[in-house]
C-alpha atoms as a PDB file:
ATOM      1  CA  UNK A   1      54.836  38.647 -60.558  1.00  0.00           C
ATOM      2  CA  UNK A   2      57.235  40.508 -62.800  1.00  0.00           C
ATOM      3  CA  UNK A   3      57.477  44.246 -63.290  1.00  0.00           C
ATOM      4  CA  UNK A   4      55.477  44.253 -66.491  1.00  0.00           C
ATOM      5  CA  UNK A   5      52.663  42.373 -64.915  1.00  0.00           C
ATOM      6  CA  UNK A   6      52.752  44.663 -61.898  1.00  0.00           C
ATOM      7  CA  UNK A   7      52.417  47.809 -64.056  1.00  0.00           C
ATOM      8  CA  UNK A   8      49.605  46.288 -66.158  1.00  0.00           C
ATOM      9  CA  UNK A   9      47.643  45.347 -63.031  1.00  0.00           C
ATOM     10  CA  UNK A  10      48.075  48.928 -61.691  1.00  0.00           C
ATOM     11  CA  UNK A  11      46.898  50.485 -64.987  1.00  0.00           C
ATOM     12  CA  UNK A  12      43.898  48.157 -64.941  1.00  0.00           C
ATOM     13  CA  UNK A  13      43.013  49.258 -61.390  1.00  0.00           C
ATOM     14  CA  UNK A  14      43.782  45.812 -59.991  1.00  0.00           C
ATOM     15  CA  UNK A  15      45.747  44.947 -56.845  1.00  0.00           C
ATOM     16  CA  UNK A  16      49.460  44.063 -57.619  1.00  0.00           C
ATOM     17  CA  UNK A  17      51.611  42.254 -55.118  1.00  0.00           C
ATOM     18  CA  UNK A  18      53.387  45.555 -54.444  1.00  0.00           C
ATOM     19  CA  UNK A  19      53.309  49.050 -55.960  1.00  0.00           C
ATOM     20  CA  UNK A  20      55.141  49.313 -59.313  1.00  0.00           C
ATOM     21  CA  UNK A  21      58.131  51.613 -59.582  1.00  0.00           C
ATOM     22  CA  UNK A  22      58.258  53.757 -62.681  1.00  0.00           C
ATOM     23  CA  UNK A  23      61.921  54.301 -63.381  1.00  0.00           C
ATOM     24  CA  UNK A  24      61.321  56.284 -66.579  1.00  0.00           C
ATOM     25  CA  UNK A  25      59.490  59.107 -64.870  1.00  0.00           C
ATOM     26  CA  UNK A  26      60.088  62.042 -67.170  1.00  0.00           C
ATOM     27  CA  UNK A  27      59.417  65.736 -66.227  1.00  0.00           C
ATOM     28  CA  UNK A  28      56.418  65.730 -68.522  1.00  0.00           C
ATOM     29  CA  UNK A  29      54.899  62.732 -66.822  1.00  0.00           C
ATOM     30  CA  UNK A  30      55.741  64.033 -63.300  1.00  0.00           C
ATOM     31  CA  UNK A  31      53.978  67.273 -64.167  1.00  0.00           C
ATOM     32  CA  UNK A  32      50.701  65.330 -64.927  1.00  0.00           C
ATOM     33  CA  UNK A  33      50.789  63.418 -61.569  1.00  0.00           C
END
């Protein structure tokens, strides 16, 4: 499974092979988490 597939599965509330890592975590996104 590549990183794109992993992120799409996580967004669709499906079980990826491992948790995706979001390298482009901006302060605005981090604030919403």
